[in-house]
């Protein structure tokens, strides 16, 4: 499984942006998806995950109510809809996938460096006037 993020760019505070995570080499069916970000000078943090059956979903307090994670199995891709963005949302955003939801969830929620099945290369989001 390979993942490629797209959709990053410059957005004004209060604006919206949609990041996509295109999968290839394998179907995303059966994979749980997580999104991470790394702000300049800071360590990577997990911001959201969605289980493969859509039963479990989590988002960090910093993005709750503003960011939404989803998966489109027909397109074999995942997305992160970012609304009402803030300057502190600036950073490189990564998607990741793993067949073991528990492993992915722990990695997202705790920010640990567990090895996951697949990582994207990242896409830069800059929130600025």
Foldseek 3Di string as FASTA:
>chain_A
DEWAKDFADEAAAQAKTKIKIADPPDFCQLKKKWKWWDAPPGAIATAKIAGNVRPDIDGDPVQPPFWDWDADRVRSMIMIIGGNDDQVVWGWMKMAIANDPVQVVCCRHVVDDDDGPYMYPTDTHGYHD
